C-alpha atoms as a PDB file:
ATOM      1  CA  UNK A   1     -19.012  18.047  -5.711  1.00  0.00           C
ATOM      2  CA  UNK A   2     -18.324  16.951  -2.140  1.00  0.00           C
ATOM      3  CA  UNK A   3     -14.944  15.434  -1.386  1.00  0.00           C
ATOM      4  CA  UNK A   4     -14.890  11.912   0.066  1.00  0.00           C
ATOM      5  CA  UNK A   5     -13.608  11.649   3.622  1.00  0.00           C
ATOM      6  CA  UNK A   6     -10.363   9.726   3.896  1.00  0.00           C
ATOM      7  CA  UNK A   7      -9.256   8.324   7.229  1.00  0.00           C
ATOM      8  CA  UNK A   8      -5.474   8.186   7.556  1.00  0.00           C
ATOM      9  CA  UNK A   9      -5.117   5.839  10.498  1.00  0.00           C
ATOM     10  CA  UNK A  10      -2.284   6.470  12.933  1.00  0.00           C
ATOM     11  CA  UNK A  11      -0.852   4.054  15.471  1.00  0.00           C
ATOM     12  CA  UNK A  12       2.004   4.563  17.945  1.00  0.00           C
ATOM     13  CA  UNK A  13       5.136   4.711  15.792  1.00  0.00           C
ATOM     14  CA  UNK A  14       3.637   5.552  12.394  1.00  0.00           C
ATOM     15  CA  UNK A  15       5.589   8.377  10.755  1.00  0.00           C
ATOM     16  CA  UNK A  16       4.260   8.863   7.235  1.00  0.00           C
ATOM     17  CA  UNK A  17       0.693   9.958   7.950  1.00  0.00           C
ATOM     18  CA  UNK A  18       1.088  13.615   6.967  1.00  0.00           C
ATOM     19  CA  UNK A  19       2.592  12.767   3.595  1.00  0.00           C
ATOM     20  CA  UNK A  20      -0.218  10.262   2.957  1.00  0.00           C
ATOM     21  CA  UNK A  21      -2.837  12.811   3.987  1.00  0.00           C
ATOM     22  CA  UNK A  22      -1.358  15.439   1.664  1.00  0.00           C
ATOM     23  CA  UNK A  23      -1.445  12.971  -1.233  1.00  0.00           C
ATOM     24  CA  UNK A  24      -5.116  12.255  -0.551  1.00  0.00           C
ATOM     25  CA  UNK A  25      -5.881  15.988  -0.376  1.00  0.00           C
ATOM     26  CA  UNK A  26      -4.089  16.655  -3.660  1.00  0.00           C
ATOM     27  CA  UNK A  27      -6.048  13.789  -5.212  1.00  0.00           C
ATOM     28  CA  UNK A  28      -9.339  15.445  -4.248  1.00  0.00           C
ATOM     29  CA  UNK A  29     -10.113  13.764  -0.935  1.00  0.00           C
ATOM     30  CA  UNK A  30     -10.744  15.254   2.503  1.00  0.00           C
ATOM     31  CA  UNK A  31      -8.085  13.602   4.607  1.00  0.00           C
ATOM     32  CA  UNK A  32      -8.288  13.341   8.395  1.00  0.00           C
ATOM     33  CA  UNK A  33      -5.567  12.016  10.682  1.00  0.00           C
ATOM     34  CA  UNK A  34      -7.214   9.613  13.101  1.00  0.00           C
ATOM     35  CA  UNK A  35      -5.345   7.912  15.920  1.00  0.00           C
ATOM     36  CA  UNK A  36      -6.238   4.294  16.549  1.00  0.00           C
ATOM     37  CA  UNK A  37      -7.158   5.182  20.150  1.00  0.00           C
ATOM     38  CA  UNK A  38      -9.951   7.436  18.865  1.00  0.00           C
ATOM     39  CA  UNK A  39     -11.396   4.448  17.021  1.00  0.00           C
ATOM     40  CA  UNK A  40     -11.167   2.346  20.155  1.00  0.00           C
ATOM     41  CA  UNK A  41     -13.040   4.892  22.288  1.00  0.00           C
ATOM     42  CA  UNK A  42     -15.653   5.586  19.631  1.00  0.00           C
ATOM     43  CA  UNK A  43     -14.570   9.215  19.196  1.00  0.00           C
ATOM     44  CA  UNK A  44     -14.231   8.440  15.474  1.00  0.00           C
ATOM     45  CA  UNK A  45     -16.333   5.999  13.468  1.00  0.00           C
ATOM     46  CA  UNK A  46     -14.919   4.243  10.421  1.00  0.00           C
ATOM     47  CA  UNK A  47     -18.408   4.112   8.886  1.00  0.00           C
ATOM     48  CA  UNK A  48     -18.302   7.899   8.395  1.00  0.00           C
ATOM     49  CA  UNK A  49     -15.432   7.618   5.894  1.00  0.00           C
ATOM     50  CA  UNK A  50     -15.301   6.587   2.258  1.00  0.00           C
ATOM     51  CA  UNK A  51     -11.595   5.653   2.046  1.00  0.00           C
ATOM     52  CA  UNK A  52      -8.969   4.338   4.461  1.00  0.00           C
ATOM     53  CA  UNK A  53      -5.183   4.693   4.337  1.00  0.00           C
ATOM     54  CA  UNK A  54      -2.735   2.937   6.648  1.00  0.00           C
ATOM     55  CA  UNK A  55       0.549   4.864   6.348  1.00  0.00           C
ATOM     56  CA  UNK A  56       4.156   3.866   6.810  1.00  0.00           C
ATOM     57  CA  UNK A  57       6.391   4.032   9.848  1.00  0.00           C
ATOM     58  CA  UNK A  58       7.273   1.680  12.673  1.00  0.00           C
ATOM     59  CA  UNK A  59       3.996   0.909  14.465  1.00  0.00           C
ATOM     60  CA  UNK A  60       4.597  -0.323  18.010  1.00  0.00           C
ATOM     61  CA  UNK A  61       8.329  -0.205  17.310  1.00  0.00           C
ATOM     62  CA  UNK A  62       8.004  -3.184  14.910  1.00  0.00           C
ATOM     63  CA  UNK A  63       7.980  -5.435  17.994  1.00  0.00           C
ATOM     64  CA  UNK A  64       7.559  -9.168  17.252  1.00  0.00           C
ATOM     65  CA  UNK A  65       7.867  -8.271  13.544  1.00  0.00           C
ATOM     66  CA  UNK A  66       6.981  -5.311  11.349  1.00  0.00           C
ATOM     67  CA  UNK A  67       3.253  -4.615  11.484  1.00  0.00           C
ATOM     68  CA  UNK A  68       2.451  -7.589  13.723  1.00  0.00           C
ATOM     69  CA  UNK A  69       1.046  -5.700  16.706  1.00  0.00           C
ATOM     70  CA  UNK A  70      -0.826  -3.224  14.518  1.00  0.00           C
ATOM     71  CA  UNK A  71      -2.343  -6.208  12.736  1.00  0.00           C
ATOM     72  CA  UNK A  72      -3.377  -7.695  16.085  1.00  0.00           C
ATOM     73  CA  UNK A  73      -5.233  -4.480  16.879  1.00  0.00           C
ATOM     74  CA  UNK A  74      -6.956  -4.526  13.497  1.00  0.00           C
ATOM     75  CA  UNK A  75      -8.125  -8.117  13.941  1.00  0.00           C
ATOM     76  CA  UNK A  76      -9.029  -8.191  17.623  1.00  0.00           C
ATOM     77  CA  UNK A  77     -10.340  -4.666  18.171  1.00  0.00           C
ATOM     78  CA  UNK A  78     -11.626  -3.454  14.804  1.00  0.00           C
ATOM     79  CA  UNK A  79     -12.272  -6.529  12.693  1.00  0.00           C
ATOM     80  CA  UNK A  80     -16.036  -6.092  12.416  1.00  0.00           C
ATOM     81  CA  UNK A  81     -15.763  -2.513  11.190  1.00  0.00           C
ATOM     82  CA  UNK A  82     -12.872  -3.208   8.840  1.00  0.00           C
ATOM     83  CA  UNK A  83     -14.568  -6.294   7.430  1.00  0.00           C
ATOM     84  CA  UNK A  84     -17.684  -4.244   6.660  1.00  0.00           C
ATOM     85  CA  UNK A  85     -15.631  -1.380   5.198  1.00  0.00           C
ATOM     86  CA  UNK A  86     -13.719  -3.669   2.833  1.00  0.00           C
ATOM     87  CA  UNK A  87     -16.754  -5.790   1.981  1.00  0.00           C
ATOM     88  CA  UNK A  88     -18.649  -2.671   0.930  1.00  0.00           C
ATOM     89  CA  UNK A  89     -15.985  -2.069  -1.715  1.00  0.00           C
ATOM     90  CA  UNK A  90     -14.572   1.091  -0.166  1.00  0.00           C
ATOM     91  CA  UNK A  91     -10.937   1.727  -1.146  1.00  0.00           C
ATOM     92  CA  UNK A  92      -8.250   0.787   1.383  1.00  0.00           C
ATOM     93  CA  UNK A  93      -4.533   1.438   0.898  1.00  0.00           C
ATOM     94  CA  UNK A  94      -1.676   0.238   3.084  1.00  0.00           C
ATOM     95  CA  UNK A  95       1.765   1.722   2.462  1.00  0.00           C
ATOM     96  CA  UNK A  96       4.981   0.299   3.918  1.00  0.00           C
ATOM     97  CA  UNK A  97       4.178  -0.476   7.544  1.00  0.00           C
ATOM     98  CA  UNK A  98       0.487  -0.220   6.685  1.00  0.00           C
ATOM     99  CA  UNK A  99       0.973  -2.906   4.032  1.00  0.00           C
ATOM    100  CA  UNK A 100       2.699  -5.125   6.581  1.00  0.00           C
ATOM    101  CA  UNK A 101      -0.236  -4.694   8.971  1.00  0.00           C
ATOM    102  CA  UNK A 102      -2.856  -5.525   6.320  1.00  0.00           C
ATOM    103  CA  UNK A 103      -0.913  -8.629   5.261  1.00  0.00           C
ATOM    104  CA  UNK A 104      -0.516  -9.906   8.814  1.00  0.00           C
ATOM    105  CA  UNK A 105      -4.147  -9.143   9.602  1.00  0.00           C
ATOM    106  CA  UNK A 106      -5.146 -11.266   6.593  1.00  0.00           C
ATOM    107  CA  UNK A 107      -6.709  -8.487   4.517  1.00  0.00           C
ATOM    108  CA  UNK A 108      -4.080  -8.921   1.809  1.00  0.00           C
ATOM    109  CA  UNK A 109      -4.456 -10.908  -0.258  1.00  0.00           C
ATOM    110  CA  UNK A 110      -7.388 -12.060   1.918  1.00  0.00           C
ATOM    111  CA  UNK A 111      -9.791 -13.234   3.043  1.00  0.00           C
ATOM    112  CA  UNK A 112      -9.213 -11.989   6.597  1.00  0.00           C
ATOM    113  CA  UNK A 113      -8.250 -13.084   9.181  1.00  0.00           C
ATOM    114  CA  UNK A 114      -6.305 -15.867   7.430  1.00  0.00           C
ATOM    115  CA  UNK A 115      -2.730 -14.846   6.625  1.00  0.00           C
ATOM    116  CA  UNK A 116      -1.686 -16.337   3.275  1.00  0.00           C
ATOM    117  CA  UNK A 117       1.622 -14.529   2.648  1.00  0.00           C
ATOM    118  CA  UNK A 118       4.076 -12.499   4.695  1.00  0.00           C
ATOM    119  CA  UNK A 119       6.621  -9.701   4.455  1.00  0.00           C
ATOM    120  CA  UNK A 120       9.993 -10.825   5.741  1.00  0.00           C
ATOM    121  CA  UNK A 121      13.418  -9.311   6.336  1.00  0.00           C
ATOM    122  CA  UNK A 122      15.053  -8.056   3.142  1.00  0.00           C
ATOM    123  CA  UNK A 123      17.203 -10.669   1.466  1.00  0.00           C
ATOM    124  CA  UNK A 124      20.342  -8.609   2.110  1.00  0.00           C
ATOM    125  CA  UNK A 125      19.332  -8.218   5.765  1.00  0.00           C
ATOM    126  CA  UNK A 126      19.702  -4.448   5.589  1.00  0.00           C
ATOM    127  CA  UNK A 127      17.414  -1.440   5.622  1.00  0.00           C
ATOM    128  CA  UNK A 128      16.887  -0.232   2.049  1.00  0.00           C
ATOM    129  CA  UNK A 129      16.277   3.415   1.213  1.00  0.00           C
ATOM    130  CA  UNK A 130      16.415   4.092  -2.533  1.00  0.00           C
ATOM    131  CA  UNK A 131      14.236   5.081  -5.461  1.00  0.00           C
ATOM    132  CA  UNK A 132      12.529   2.323  -7.440  1.00  0.00           C
ATOM    133  CA  UNK A 133      10.392   1.990 -10.536  1.00  0.00           C
ATOM    134  CA  UNK A 134       6.963   0.342 -10.293  1.00  0.00           C
ATOM    135  CA  UNK A 135       4.807  -1.012 -13.089  1.00  0.00           C
ATOM    136  CA  UNK A 136       1.106  -1.791 -12.840  1.00  0.00           C
ATOM    137  CA  UNK A 137       0.283  -5.323 -13.898  1.00  0.00           C
ATOM    138  CA  UNK A 138      -2.271  -5.282 -16.736  1.00  0.00           C
ATOM    139  CA  UNK A 139      -4.315  -8.232 -15.450  1.00  0.00           C
ATOM    140  CA  UNK A 140      -4.647  -6.910 -11.899  1.00  0.00           C
ATOM    141  CA  UNK A 141      -8.086  -6.469 -10.323  1.00  0.00           C
ATOM    142  CA  UNK A 142      -6.791  -3.449  -8.378  1.00  0.00           C
ATOM    143  CA  UNK A 143      -8.887  -0.283  -8.669  1.00  0.00           C
ATOM    144  CA  UNK A 144      -5.928   1.852  -7.592  1.00  0.00           C
ATOM    145  CA  UNK A 145      -3.874   0.826 -10.649  1.00  0.00           C
ATOM    146  CA  UNK A 146      -6.733   0.785 -13.156  1.00  0.00           C
ATOM    147  CA  UNK A 147      -5.742   2.549 -16.359  1.00  0.00           C
ATOM    148  CA  UNK A 148      -2.247   3.238 -15.063  1.00  0.00           C
ATOM    149  CA  UNK A 149      -0.001   3.155 -18.123  1.00  0.00           C
ATOM    150  CA  UNK A 150       2.948   5.197 -16.881  1.00  0.00           C
ATOM    151  CA  UNK A 151       5.431   3.647 -14.432  1.00  0.00           C
ATOM    152  CA  UNK A 152       5.631   5.112 -10.931  1.00  0.00           C
ATOM    153  CA  UNK A 153       8.929   6.343  -9.523  1.00  0.00           C
ATOM    154  CA  UNK A 154       9.125   6.566  -5.742  1.00  0.00           C
ATOM    155  CA  UNK A 155      11.375   5.587  -2.829  1.00  0.00           C
ATOM    156  CA  UNK A 156      11.396   2.533  -0.609  1.00  0.00           C
ATOM    157  CA  UNK A 157      12.395   2.727   3.043  1.00  0.00           C
ATOM    158  CA  UNK A 158      12.104  -0.624   4.789  1.00  0.00           C
ATOM    159  CA  UNK A 159      13.961  -3.489   6.392  1.00  0.00           C
ATOM    160  CA  UNK A 160      11.162  -6.064   6.155  1.00  0.00           C
ATOM    161  CA  UNK A 161       9.646  -5.678   2.708  1.00  0.00           C
ATOM    162  CA  UNK A 162      10.335  -9.027   1.053  1.00  0.00           C
ATOM    163  CA  UNK A 163       7.080 -10.634  -0.041  1.00  0.00           C
ATOM    164  CA  UNK A 164       7.242 -14.344   0.762  1.00  0.00           C
ATOM    165  CA  UNK A 165       4.765 -17.087  -0.157  1.00  0.00           C
ATOM    166  CA  UNK A 166       4.475 -20.456   1.609  1.00  0.00           C
ATOM    167  CA  UNK A 167       4.264 -22.596  -1.514  1.00  0.00           C
ATOM    168  CA  UNK A 168       4.041 -22.644  -5.299  1.00  0.00           C
ATOM    169  CA  UNK A 169       0.236 -22.882  -5.218  1.00  0.00           C
ATOM    170  CA  UNK A 170      -0.064 -19.584  -3.344  1.00  0.00           C
ATOM    171  CA  UNK A 171       2.452 -17.976  -5.680  1.00  0.00           C
ATOM    172  CA  UNK A 172       0.514 -19.116  -8.737  1.00  0.00           C
ATOM    173  CA  UNK A 173      -2.772 -17.974  -7.214  1.00  0.00           C
ATOM    174  CA  UNK A 174      -1.504 -14.406  -6.824  1.00  0.00           C
ATOM    175  CA  UNK A 175      -0.990 -14.215 -10.572  1.00  0.00           C
ATOM    176  CA  UNK A 176      -3.940 -16.313 -11.718  1.00  0.00           C
ATOM    177  CA  UNK A 177      -6.415 -14.434  -9.516  1.00  0.00           C
ATOM    178  CA  UNK A 178      -5.168 -10.998 -10.611  1.00  0.00           C
ATOM    179  CA  UNK A 179      -3.853 -10.087  -7.151  1.00  0.00           C
ATOM    180  CA  UNK A 180      -0.456  -8.772  -8.264  1.00  0.00           C
ATOM    181  CA  UNK A 181      -0.960  -5.019  -8.568  1.00  0.00           C
ATOM    182  CA  UNK A 182       2.579  -3.652  -8.947  1.00  0.00           C
ATOM    183  CA  UNK A 183       5.989  -5.086  -9.739  1.00  0.00           C
ATOM    184  CA  UNK A 184       9.506  -3.726  -9.542  1.00  0.00           C
ATOM    185  CA  UNK A 185      11.170  -3.030 -12.897  1.00  0.00           C
ATOM    186  CA  UNK A 186      14.662  -1.695 -13.657  1.00  0.00           C
ATOM    187  CA  UNK A 187      15.103   2.054 -13.340  1.00  0.00           C
ATOM    188  CA  UNK A 188      15.575   2.348 -17.100  1.00  0.00           C
ATOM    189  CA  UNK A 189      12.225   0.601 -17.646  1.00  0.00           C
ATOM    190  CA  UNK A 190      13.682  -2.270 -19.690  1.00  0.00           C
ATOM    191  CA  UNK A 191      12.407  -5.677 -18.624  1.00  0.00           C
ATOM    192  CA  UNK A 192      14.061  -8.924 -19.669  1.00  0.00           C
ATOM    193  CA  UNK A 193      12.957 -12.537 -19.352  1.00  0.00           C
ATOM    194  CA  UNK A 194      14.157 -13.140 -15.796  1.00  0.00           C
ATOM    195  CA  UNK A 195      13.864 -11.452 -12.418  1.00  0.00           C
ATOM    196  CA  UNK A 196      15.067  -7.864 -12.229  1.00  0.00           C
ATOM    197  CA  UNK A 197      17.308  -8.539  -9.231  1.00  0.00           C
ATOM    198  CA  UNK A 198      18.947  -6.115  -6.829  1.00  0.00           C
ATOM    199  CA  UNK A 199      18.787  -3.107  -6.542  1.00  0.00           C
ATOM    200  CA  UNK A 200      15.682  -2.726  -8.757  1.00  0.00           C
ATOM    201  CA  UNK A 201      13.967  -5.199  -6.414  1.00  0.00           C
ATOM    202  CA  UNK A 202      15.574  -3.992  -3.170  1.00  0.00           C
ATOM    203  CA  UNK A 203      13.960  -6.497  -0.815  1.00  0.00           C
ATOM    204  CA  UNK A 204      14.244  -9.634  -2.930  1.00  0.00           C
ATOM    205  CA  UNK A 205      10.445 -10.024  -3.067  1.00  0.00           C
ATOM    206  CA  UNK A 206       9.162 -13.109  -4.876  1.00  0.00           C
ATOM    207  CA  UNK A 207       8.542 -12.495  -8.584  1.00  0.00           C
ATOM    208  CA  UNK A 208       9.559  -8.832  -8.104  1.00  0.00           C
ATOM    209  CA  UNK A 209       6.161  -8.127  -6.505  1.00  0.00           C
ATOM    210  CA  UNK A 210       5.956  -4.657  -4.955  1.00  0.00           C
ATOM    211  CA  UNK A 211       2.219  -4.516  -4.250  1.00  0.00           C
ATOM    212  CA  UNK A 212      -0.799  -6.821  -4.076  1.00  0.00           C
ATOM    213  CA  UNK A 213      -4.559  -6.388  -3.839  1.00  0.00           C
ATOM    214  CA  UNK A 214      -7.510  -8.424  -2.610  1.00  0.00           C
ATOM    215  CA  UNK A 215      -9.876 -10.361  -4.848  1.00  0.00           C
ATOM    216  CA  UNK A 216     -12.336  -7.460  -5.018  1.00  0.00           C
ATOM    217  CA  UNK A 217      -9.556  -5.079  -6.021  1.00  0.00           C
ATOM    218  CA  UNK A 218     -10.438  -2.402  -3.465  1.00  0.00           C
ATOM    219  CA  UNK A 219      -7.663  -3.163  -0.945  1.00  0.00           C
ATOM    220  CA  UNK A 220      -4.103  -2.394  -2.054  1.00  0.00           C
ATOM    221  CA  UNK A 221      -0.833  -2.775  -0.204  1.00  0.00           C
ATOM    222  CA  UNK A 222       2.626  -1.797  -1.388  1.00  0.00           C
ATOM    223  CA  UNK A 223       6.027  -1.401   0.218  1.00  0.00           C
ATOM    224  CA  UNK A 224       7.283   1.655  -1.767  1.00  0.00           C
ATOM    225  CA  UNK A 225       6.045   5.137  -0.877  1.00  0.00           C
ATOM    226  CA  UNK A 226       4.082   6.799  -3.721  1.00  0.00           C
ATOM    227  CA  UNK A 227       3.139   9.634  -1.351  1.00  0.00           C
ATOM    228  CA  UNK A 228       6.769  10.776  -1.584  1.00  0.00           C
ATOM    229  CA  UNK A 229       6.415  11.614  -5.278  1.00  0.00           C
ATOM    230  CA  UNK A 230       3.228  13.580  -5.767  1.00  0.00           C
ATOM    231  CA  UNK A 231       4.807  16.723  -7.232  1.00  0.00           C
ATOM    232  CA  UNK A 232       7.288  17.075 -10.069  1.00  0.00           C
ATOM    233  CA  UNK A 233       9.699  18.935  -7.772  1.00  0.00           C
ATOM    234  CA  UNK A 234      10.117  15.737  -5.733  1.00  0.00           C
ATOM    235  CA  UNK A 235      11.684  13.913  -8.672  1.00  0.00           C
ATOM    236  CA  UNK A 236      15.332  13.277  -7.700  1.00  0.00           C
ATOM    237  CA  UNK A 237      16.531  14.656 -11.034  1.00  0.00           C
ATOM    238  CA  UNK A 238      14.067  17.493 -11.515  1.00  0.00           C
ATOM    239  CA  UNK A 239      16.864  20.064 -11.670  1.00  0.00           C
ATOM    240  CA  UNK A 240      18.121  18.260 -14.778  1.00  0.00           C
ATOM    241  CA  UNK A 241      14.728  18.372 -16.435  1.00  0.00           C
ATOM    242  CA  UNK A 242      13.560  14.879 -15.489  1.00  0.00           C
ATOM    243  CA  UNK A 243       9.853  14.430 -14.774  1.00  0.00           C
ATOM    244  CA  UNK A 244       7.027  11.889 -14.789  1.00  0.00           C
ATOM    245  CA  UNK A 245       6.312   8.791 -12.735  1.00  0.00           C
ATOM    246  CA  UNK A 246       4.151  10.549 -10.146  1.00  0.00           C
ATOM    247  CA  UNK A 247       2.658   8.387  -7.406  1.00  0.00           C
ATOM    248  CA  UNK A 248      -0.376  10.675  -7.106  1.00  0.00           C
ATOM    249  CA  UNK A 249      -2.154   8.548  -9.733  1.00  0.00           C
ATOM    250  CA  UNK A 250      -2.784   5.786  -7.185  1.00  0.00           C
ATOM    251  CA  UNK A 251      -4.423   8.232  -4.800  1.00  0.00           C
ATOM    252  CA  UNK A 252      -6.493   9.802  -7.563  1.00  0.00           C
ATOM    253  CA  UNK A 253      -7.902   6.399  -8.494  1.00  0.00           C
ATOM    254  CA  UNK A 254      -8.662   5.669  -4.848  1.00  0.00           C
ATOM    255  CA  UNK A 255     -10.429   8.972  -4.255  1.00  0.00           C
ATOM    256  CA  UNK A 256     -12.381   8.578  -7.508  1.00  0.00           C
ATOM    257  CA  UNK A 257     -13.627   5.168  -6.344  1.00  0.00           C
ATOM    258  CA  UNK A 258     -14.469   6.589  -2.925  1.00  0.00           C
ATOM    259  CA  UNK A 259     -16.816   9.182  -4.419  1.00  0.00           C
ATOM    260  CA  UNK A 260     -19.300   6.399  -5.175  1.00  0.00           C
ATOM    261  CA  UNK A 261     -19.905   6.042  -1.438  1.00  0.00           C
ATOM    262  CA  UNK A 262     -20.769   9.658  -0.751  1.00  0.00           C
ATOM    263  CA  UNK A 263     -24.242   9.866   0.759  1.00  0.00           C
END
């Protein structure tokens, strides 16, 4: 069976593209690193791909705010192609900086180009780099988390990862419309009645939300980095026999969905 082509889009300042590409390859995709300038010149065509990943990093130096200038490129230079790609149902994943760009371009939670939420400076006003535990929400529409019963363990590395909503109506809509894909839970997996708090939710994101999707479920964005835990040897306690919580499951679901679009 042919492997779906996965575009891992690079912009000036992205740093996590090779890890994202490796995750897509291990999940069964055929990943290609594509610089945004090659899209602009027509050297690469988004229509030739079945899946799109926007990786982490510091696109355009995080000028104006994290992901803002990358989002401006997406909206003003590539909106028609991205709109068609997402509308077709092809899987799109934004990780870290890529999530910030998709949010500020209006693709998450959508519809683009209207921006309904934002990702702001962490509540503690500090860059956070630590491992977290993510849990898929059972009512989510997200194809990437479909059937995901095991929690994901992976690191965060961001200074502007706090999901913020403008009002209670938007907050309620995220839950009622099935747009909450992943939430932070304590590292021991035990969830109480209230918010998990710091450091389990390192940014202070509203309702402990770590990742959201669009209404169709084919566009996912998350601040943590599942591409950093795709092999058991990457578990921080593997030498003590600890295992599980691989982030590769998200990529496997994405690649599986992308196979539908193979010609």
